[in-house]
Amino acid sequence: MSDSTIFDLMKTVPWVGGLIGIGLAALMLLVHVFFALGVLQDAETRLAAGQKVYFVKPWVWGGATLFGSVVVVTIYWMMHHCALLNTPRTPPST
């Protein structure tokens, strides 16, 4: 019995590599869409609850997330949900 890997299969059947690439691209697109829908829903929920959505409207945050994915989600989270940034500042005691 020979030890064959996916790379050996890709050498013998060239379209397998393309199929794997298409599958990974589809998976990445799905992740981008779900991130964008999640950010859009969160931003709209924040507005409905009377909270601020910083800089742009919810649909812009959703669109930016669709193209920027994890980077934009991280920026959105840091601006709207990060406890380190949202802690109230107390003036220094004198």
N, C-alpha and C. Protein backbone atom coordinates (compact mmCIF):
# COMPACT_ATOMS: atom_id res chain seq x y z
N MET A 1 0.83 -1.18 0.00
CA MET A 1 0.00 0.00 0.00
C MET A 1 0.88 1.24 0.00
N SER A 2 0.63 2.13 -0.93
CA SER A 2 1.46 3.33 -1.00
C SER A 2 0.79 4.46 -0.24
N ASP A 3 1.63 5.31 0.32
CA ASP A 3 1.12 6.49 1.02
C ASP A 3 0.93 7.60 0.01
N SER A 4 -0.30 7.86 -0.37
CA SER A 4 -0.56 8.94 -1.31
C SER A 4 -1.14 10.13 -0.55
N THR A 5 -0.76 11.29 -0.97
CA THR A 5 -1.25 12.52 -0.36
C THR A 5 -2.12 13.26 -1.36
N ILE A 6 -2.69 14.34 -0.90
CA ILE A 6 -3.51 15.16 -1.78
C ILE A 6 -2.66 15.74 -2.90
N PHE A 7 -1.37 15.96 -2.63
CA PHE A 7 -0.49 16.52 -3.65
C PHE A 7 -0.23 15.51 -4.78
N ASP A 8 -0.13 14.23 -4.41
CA ASP A 8 0.01 13.20 -5.44
C ASP A 8 -1.24 13.13 -6.31
N LEU A 9 -2.40 13.27 -5.66
CA LEU A 9 -3.66 13.26 -6.41
C LEU A 9 -3.74 14.46 -7.34
N MET A 10 -3.26 15.61 -6.87
CA MET A 10 -3.30 16.82 -7.69
C MET A 10 -2.36 16.69 -8.90
N LYS A 11 -1.29 15.93 -8.76
CA LYS A 11 -0.38 15.73 -9.89
C LYS A 11 -1.01 14.83 -10.94
N THR A 12 -1.73 13.82 -10.50
CA THR A 12 -2.30 12.87 -11.46
C THR A 12 -3.62 13.36 -12.04
N VAL A 13 -4.41 14.11 -11.25
CA VAL A 13 -5.69 14.64 -11.71
C VAL A 13 -5.64 16.15 -11.51
N PRO A 14 -5.28 16.92 -12.54
CA PRO A 14 -5.02 18.35 -12.37
C PRO A 14 -6.22 19.17 -11.91
N TRP A 15 -7.42 18.78 -12.23
CA TRP A 15 -8.58 19.58 -11.86
C TRP A 15 -8.89 19.51 -10.38
N VAL A 16 -8.27 18.57 -9.65
CA VAL A 16 -8.53 18.46 -8.21
C VAL A 16 -8.05 19.72 -7.49
N GLY A 17 -6.89 20.24 -7.90
CA GLY A 17 -6.38 21.47 -7.29
C GLY A 17 -7.32 22.63 -7.50
N GLY A 18 -7.87 22.75 -8.70
CA GLY A 18 -8.83 23.81 -8.98
C GLY A 18 -10.10 23.65 -8.17
N LEU A 19 -10.53 22.42 -8.01
CA LEU A 19 -11.73 22.15 -7.22
C LEU A 19 -11.51 22.52 -5.75
N ILE A 20 -10.34 22.20 -5.23
CA ILE A 20 -10.02 22.56 -3.85
C ILE A 20 -9.97 24.08 -3.71
N GLY A 21 -9.37 24.76 -4.69
CA GLY A 21 -9.32 26.22 -4.66
C GLY A 21 -10.69 26.86 -4.70
N ILE A 22 -11.55 26.34 -5.54
CA ILE A 22 -12.91 26.87 -5.63
C ILE A 22 -13.66 26.62 -4.32
N GLY A 23 -13.47 25.46 -3.74
CA GLY A 23 -14.12 25.16 -2.46
C GLY A 23 -13.66 26.08 -1.35
N LEU A 24 -12.36 26.35 -1.29
CA LEU A 24 -11.84 27.27 -0.27
C LEU A 24 -12.33 28.69 -0.50
N ALA A 25 -12.39 29.11 -1.76
CA ALA A 25 -12.89 30.45 -2.08
C ALA A 25 -14.36 30.59 -1.68
N ALA A 26 -15.15 29.55 -1.94
CA ALA A 26 -16.56 29.57 -1.56
C ALA A 26 -16.72 29.63 -0.04
N LEU A 27 -15.89 28.89 0.66
CA LEU A 27 -15.93 28.92 2.12
C LEU A 27 -15.56 30.30 2.65
N MET A 28 -14.53 30.92 2.07
CA MET A 28 -14.14 32.26 2.50
C MET A 28 -15.23 33.28 2.21
N LEU A 29 -15.88 33.16 1.05
CA LEU A 29 -16.97 34.06 0.72
C LEU A 29 -18.11 33.92 1.73
N LEU A 30 -18.42 32.70 2.09
CA LEU A 30 -19.47 32.44 3.07
C LEU A 30 -19.13 33.06 4.42
N VAL A 31 -17.88 32.94 4.84
CA VAL A 31 -17.45 33.54 6.11
C VAL A 31 -17.58 35.06 6.04
N HIS A 32 -17.18 35.67 4.93
CA HIS A 32 -17.30 37.12 4.77
C HIS A 32 -18.76 37.56 4.84
N VAL A 33 -19.64 36.83 4.18
CA VAL A 33 -21.05 37.18 4.18
C VAL A 33 -21.64 37.07 5.58
N PHE A 34 -21.32 36.01 6.31
CA PHE A 34 -21.85 35.86 7.66
C PHE A 34 -21.31 36.92 8.61
N PHE A 35 -20.02 37.26 8.49
CA PHE A 35 -19.46 38.35 9.29
C PHE A 35 -20.20 39.66 8.98
N ALA A 36 -20.41 39.94 7.70
CA ALA A 36 -21.07 41.18 7.30
C ALA A 36 -22.50 41.24 7.81
N LEU A 37 -23.23 40.14 7.70
CA LEU A 37 -24.61 40.11 8.21
C LEU A 37 -24.64 40.28 9.73
N GLY A 38 -23.69 39.68 10.42
CA GLY A 38 -23.62 39.82 11.88
C GLY A 38 -23.34 41.24 12.31
N VAL A 39 -22.39 41.90 11.65
CA VAL A 39 -22.08 43.28 11.98
C VAL A 39 -23.26 44.19 11.64
N LEU A 40 -23.87 43.96 10.49
CA LEU A 40 -25.04 44.76 10.10
C LEU A 40 -26.16 44.62 11.11
N GLN A 41 -26.46 43.41 11.52
CA GLN A 41 -27.52 43.19 12.50
C GLN A 41 -27.17 43.81 13.84
N ASP A 42 -25.93 43.68 14.27
CA ASP A 42 -25.52 44.27 15.54
C ASP A 42 -25.62 45.79 15.50
N ALA A 43 -25.17 46.39 14.41
CA ALA A 43 -25.23 47.85 14.29
C ALA A 43 -26.67 48.35 14.28
N GLU A 44 -27.55 47.65 13.56
CA GLU A 44 -28.95 48.05 13.54
C GLU A 44 -29.61 47.87 14.90
N THR A 45 -29.24 46.80 15.61
CA THR A 45 -29.76 46.57 16.96
C THR A 45 -29.29 47.67 17.91
N ARG A 46 -28.05 48.08 17.77
CA ARG A 46 -27.52 49.16 18.61
C ARG A 46 -28.30 50.45 18.37
N LEU A 47 -28.56 50.76 17.10
CA LEU A 47 -29.32 51.97 16.79
C LEU A 47 -30.74 51.90 17.35
N ALA A 48 -31.38 50.75 17.21
CA ALA A 48 -32.75 50.58 17.71
C ALA A 48 -32.80 50.70 19.23
N ALA A 49 -31.71 50.32 19.91
CA ALA A 49 -31.67 50.40 21.37
C ALA A 49 -31.24 51.79 21.85
N GLY A 50 -30.98 52.69 20.91
CA GLY A 50 -30.60 54.05 21.28
C GLY A 50 -29.11 54.22 21.56
N GLN A 51 -28.32 53.23 21.17
CA GLN A 51 -26.87 53.33 21.36
C GLN A 51 -26.24 53.92 20.11
N LYS A 52 -25.00 54.37 20.26
CA LYS A 52 -24.30 54.97 19.13
C LYS A 52 -23.70 53.92 18.21
N VAL A 53 -23.69 54.25 16.93
CA VAL A 53 -22.90 53.52 15.94
C VAL A 53 -21.94 54.55 15.38
N TYR A 54 -20.66 54.35 15.62
CA TYR A 54 -19.67 55.37 15.33
C TYR A 54 -19.32 55.46 13.85
N PHE A 55 -19.08 56.68 13.41
CA PHE A 55 -18.57 57.07 12.10
C PHE A 55 -19.54 56.93 10.93
N VAL A 56 -20.11 55.76 10.72
CA VAL A 56 -20.94 55.55 9.53
C VAL A 56 -22.22 54.80 9.89
N LYS A 57 -23.10 54.70 8.94
CA LYS A 57 -24.37 53.98 9.14
C LYS A 57 -24.13 52.47 9.16
N PRO A 58 -25.09 51.71 9.71
CA PRO A 58 -24.93 50.25 9.80
C PRO A 58 -24.66 49.57 8.46
N TRP A 59 -25.32 50.01 7.39
CA TRP A 59 -25.11 49.34 6.09
C TRP A 59 -23.69 49.55 5.59
N VAL A 60 -23.05 50.66 5.96
CA VAL A 60 -21.66 50.89 5.56
C VAL A 60 -20.74 49.95 6.34
N TRP A 61 -21.01 49.78 7.64
CA TRP A 61 -20.23 48.83 8.43
C TRP A 61 -20.38 47.43 7.84
N GLY A 62 -21.60 47.05 7.46
CA GLY A 62 -21.82 45.73 6.87
C GLY A 62 -21.08 45.57 5.56
N GLY A 63 -21.14 46.58 4.70
CA GLY A 63 -20.44 46.52 3.42
C GLY A 63 -18.93 46.48 3.59
N ALA A 64 -18.42 47.27 4.53
CA ALA A 64 -16.98 47.26 4.78
C ALA A 64 -16.54 45.90 5.31
N THR A 65 -17.38 45.28 6.13
CA THR A 65 -17.06 43.96 6.65
C THR A 65 -17.07 42.91 5.55
N LEU A 66 -17.96 43.08 4.59
CA LEU A 66 -18.02 42.13 3.48
C LEU A 66 -16.70 42.08 2.72
N PHE A 67 -16.04 43.23 2.59
CA PHE A 67 -14.78 43.27 1.85
C PHE A 67 -13.56 43.16 2.75
N GLY A 68 -13.66 43.62 3.99
CA GLY A 68 -12.51 43.63 4.88
C GLY A 68 -12.47 42.50 5.88
N SER A 69 -13.55 41.80 6.04
CA SER A 69 -13.71 40.63 6.90
C SER A 69 -13.18 40.83 8.31
N VAL A 70 -12.25 40.01 8.72
CA VAL A 70 -11.83 39.95 10.11
C VAL A 70 -11.23 41.27 10.58
N VAL A 71 -10.53 41.97 9.71
CA VAL A 71 -9.92 43.25 10.09
C VAL A 71 -11.01 44.26 10.46
N VAL A 72 -12.04 44.38 9.64
CA VAL A 72 -13.11 45.33 9.90
C VAL A 72 -13.95 44.88 11.10
N VAL A 73 -14.18 43.58 11.24
CA VAL A 73 -14.91 43.08 12.41
C VAL A 73 -14.16 43.45 13.68
N THR A 74 -12.85 43.31 13.66
CA THR A 74 -12.05 43.65 14.84
C THR A 74 -12.15 45.14 15.15
N ILE A 75 -12.07 45.98 14.14
CA ILE A 75 -12.20 47.42 14.35
C ILE A 75 -13.58 47.76 14.89
N TYR A 76 -14.62 47.17 14.30
CA TYR A 76 -16.00 47.41 14.77
C TYR A 76 -16.15 46.97 16.22
N TRP A 77 -15.64 45.79 16.54
CA TRP A 77 -15.75 45.28 17.91
C TRP A 77 -15.02 46.19 18.89
N MET A 78 -13.82 46.62 18.51
CA MET A 78 -13.06 47.49 19.41
C MET A 78 -13.77 48.82 19.64
N MET A 79 -14.42 49.33 18.61
CA MET A 79 -15.10 50.62 18.75
C MET A 79 -16.43 50.51 19.50
N HIS A 80 -17.11 49.38 19.39
CA HIS A 80 -18.46 49.30 19.92
C HIS A 80 -18.63 48.35 21.11
N HIS A 81 -17.74 47.38 21.29
CA HIS A 81 -17.97 46.37 22.32
C HIS A 81 -16.80 46.15 23.28
N CYS A 82 -15.63 46.61 22.95
CA CYS A 82 -14.46 46.32 23.77
C CYS A 82 -14.58 47.03 25.12
N ALA A 83 -14.52 46.27 26.19
CA ALA A 83 -14.65 46.83 27.53
C ALA A 83 -13.46 47.74 27.88
N LEU A 84 -12.32 47.49 27.28
CA LEU A 84 -11.16 48.33 27.57
C LEU A 84 -11.35 49.75 27.05
N LEU A 85 -12.02 49.88 25.92
CA LEU A 85 -12.24 51.20 25.35
C LEU A 85 -13.49 51.88 25.88
N ASN A 86 -14.44 51.12 26.39
CA ASN A 86 -15.71 51.68 26.84
C ASN A 86 -15.78 51.88 28.35
N THR A 87 -14.68 51.75 29.04
CA THR A 87 -14.71 51.97 30.48
C THR A 87 -14.81 53.45 30.77
N PRO A 88 -15.63 53.81 31.75
CA PRO A 88 -15.76 55.23 32.07
C PRO A 88 -14.45 55.77 32.66
N ARG A 89 -14.12 56.96 32.26
CA ARG A 89 -12.90 57.58 32.77
C ARG A 89 -13.22 58.41 33.98
N THR A 90 -12.51 58.18 35.03
CA THR A 90 -12.72 58.97 36.25
C THR A 90 -11.59 59.98 36.34
N PRO A 91 -11.94 61.19 36.71
CA PRO A 91 -10.90 62.21 36.83
C PRO A 91 -9.96 61.86 37.98
N PRO A 92 -8.71 62.23 37.87
CA PRO A 92 -7.78 61.93 38.96
C PRO A 92 -8.16 62.72 40.21
N SER A 93 -8.01 62.05 41.34
CA SER A 93 -8.33 62.72 42.61
C SER A 93 -7.21 63.70 42.96
N THR A 94 -7.65 64.83 43.52
CA THR A 94 -6.64 65.85 43.89
C THR A 94 -6.49 65.97 45.37
